[in-house]
Amino acid sequence: MADLLDDKAIDERLGALEGWRREGDEIVTDRKLADFAAAMAFVNAVAGAAEAANHHPDILVHGWNQVRLSVTNHSAGGLTQADFDLAATIDALPTH
């Protein structure tokens, strides 16, 4: 099982990410994309990255061009390095 991060480690890692925030035992980001097709393309890119990492976020598509991603390590019961690694991978994905 992965080691849970303490509050200080979580805050440090959040500082290295843009647009992510902590909500309880999750890190969350909201993305507004150009249109529905761009939102779905982004979701598919996130799905591919998540499968490759074997670490899967909760994904909410709302409005017609907005995506919310929530990441936590369910099996560990909170935030681990894997969550921040996935967030960094997601940040590197194209959003157009």
Protein backbone atom coordinates (compact mmCIF):
# COMPACT_ATOMS: atom_id res chain seq x y z
CA MET A 1 0.00 0.00 0.00
CA ALA A 2 1.23 3.50 -0.78
CA ASP A 3 2.22 5.83 2.04
CA LEU A 4 -0.21 8.62 2.87
CA LEU A 5 1.18 12.14 2.69
CA ASP A 6 0.92 14.48 5.66
CA ASP A 7 -0.55 17.98 5.38
CA LYS A 8 2.84 19.64 4.90
CA ALA A 9 3.82 17.28 2.06
CA ILE A 10 0.42 17.77 0.43
CA ASP A 11 0.72 21.56 0.59
CA GLU A 12 4.24 21.41 -0.90
CA ARG A 13 3.10 19.24 -3.79
CA LEU A 14 0.02 21.37 -4.42
CA GLY A 15 2.32 24.37 -4.74
CA ALA A 16 3.99 22.72 -7.72
CA LEU A 17 0.68 22.23 -9.56
CA GLU A 18 -1.37 24.91 -11.25
CA GLY A 19 -5.12 25.00 -10.82
CA TRP A 20 -5.40 22.15 -8.32
CA ARG A 21 -6.84 22.49 -4.83
CA ARG A 22 -7.38 20.21 -1.89
CA GLU A 23 -10.89 19.14 -0.94
CA GLY A 24 -10.64 16.81 2.03
CA ASP A 25 -8.75 13.70 0.98
CA GLU A 26 -8.78 14.62 -2.73
CA ILE A 27 -7.08 17.05 -5.04
CA VAL A 28 -9.43 18.65 -7.54
CA THR A 29 -9.14 20.72 -10.69
CA ASP A 30 -11.75 22.31 -12.95
CA ARG A 31 -11.06 22.85 -16.64
CA LYS A 32 -13.08 24.93 -19.06
CA LEU A 33 -12.49 23.87 -22.64
CA ALA A 34 -13.39 25.39 -25.98
CA ASP A 35 -16.45 23.24 -26.62
CA PHE A 36 -18.00 19.84 -25.93
CA ALA A 37 -15.75 18.05 -28.42
CA ALA A 38 -12.64 19.51 -26.75
CA ALA A 39 -13.96 18.50 -23.32
CA MET A 40 -14.49 14.93 -24.50
CA ALA A 41 -11.07 14.81 -26.17
CA PHE A 42 -9.51 15.96 -22.89
CA VAL A 43 -11.47 13.34 -20.93
CA ASN A 44 -10.24 10.64 -23.32
CA ALA A 45 -6.65 11.85 -22.92
CA VAL A 46 -7.05 11.76 -19.13
CA ALA A 47 -8.49 8.25 -19.39
CA GLY A 48 -5.47 7.08 -21.38
CA ALA A 49 -3.04 8.60 -18.89
CA ALA A 50 -4.98 7.11 -15.98
CA GLU A 51 -4.96 3.65 -17.53
CA ALA A 52 -1.22 3.88 -18.17
CA ALA A 53 -0.66 4.85 -14.52
CA ASN A 54 -3.26 2.36 -13.22
CA HIS A 55 -4.62 5.22 -11.13
CA HIS A 56 -8.06 6.55 -11.99
CA PRO A 57 -9.62 9.94 -11.16
CA ASP A 58 -13.27 10.69 -10.78
CA ILE A 59 -14.33 12.62 -13.89
CA LEU A 60 -17.35 14.91 -14.15
CA VAL A 61 -18.31 16.55 -17.45
CA HIS A 62 -20.78 19.36 -16.83
CA GLY A 63 -22.12 22.33 -18.64
CA TRP A 64 -21.16 21.66 -22.19
CA ASN A 65 -17.45 22.34 -21.97
CA GLN A 66 -16.37 21.87 -18.35
CA VAL A 67 -14.52 18.99 -16.73
CA ARG A 68 -13.86 18.43 -13.03
CA LEU A 69 -11.23 15.89 -12.02
CA SER A 70 -10.92 14.54 -8.47
CA VAL A 71 -7.91 12.43 -7.55
CA THR A 72 -7.28 10.38 -4.42
CA ASN A 73 -5.85 7.01 -3.56
CA HIS A 74 -8.94 5.05 -2.53
CA SER A 75 -7.02 1.94 -1.50
CA ALA A 76 -4.66 3.98 0.73
CA GLY A 77 -7.49 6.09 2.14
CA GLY A 78 -6.13 9.51 1.22
CA LEU A 79 -3.49 11.36 -0.78
CA THR A 80 -0.25 9.72 -1.89
CA GLN A 81 2.56 10.58 -4.27
CA ALA A 82 0.70 8.69 -7.01
CA ASP A 83 -2.09 11.29 -6.89
CA PHE A 84 0.33 14.14 -7.50
CA ASP A 85 2.15 12.20 -10.21
CA LEU A 86 -1.15 11.70 -12.03
CA ALA A 87 -2.06 15.38 -11.58
CA ALA A 88 1.27 16.41 -13.12
CA THR A 89 0.68 14.03 -16.02
CA ILE A 90 -2.81 15.49 -16.54
CA ASP A 91 -1.37 19.03 -16.47
CA ALA A 92 0.92 18.08 -19.36
CA LEU A 93 -1.99 16.94 -21.55
CA PRO A 94 -3.17 19.19 -24.39
CA THR A 95 -6.47 20.97 -23.76
CA HIS A 96 -7.41 21.98 -27.28
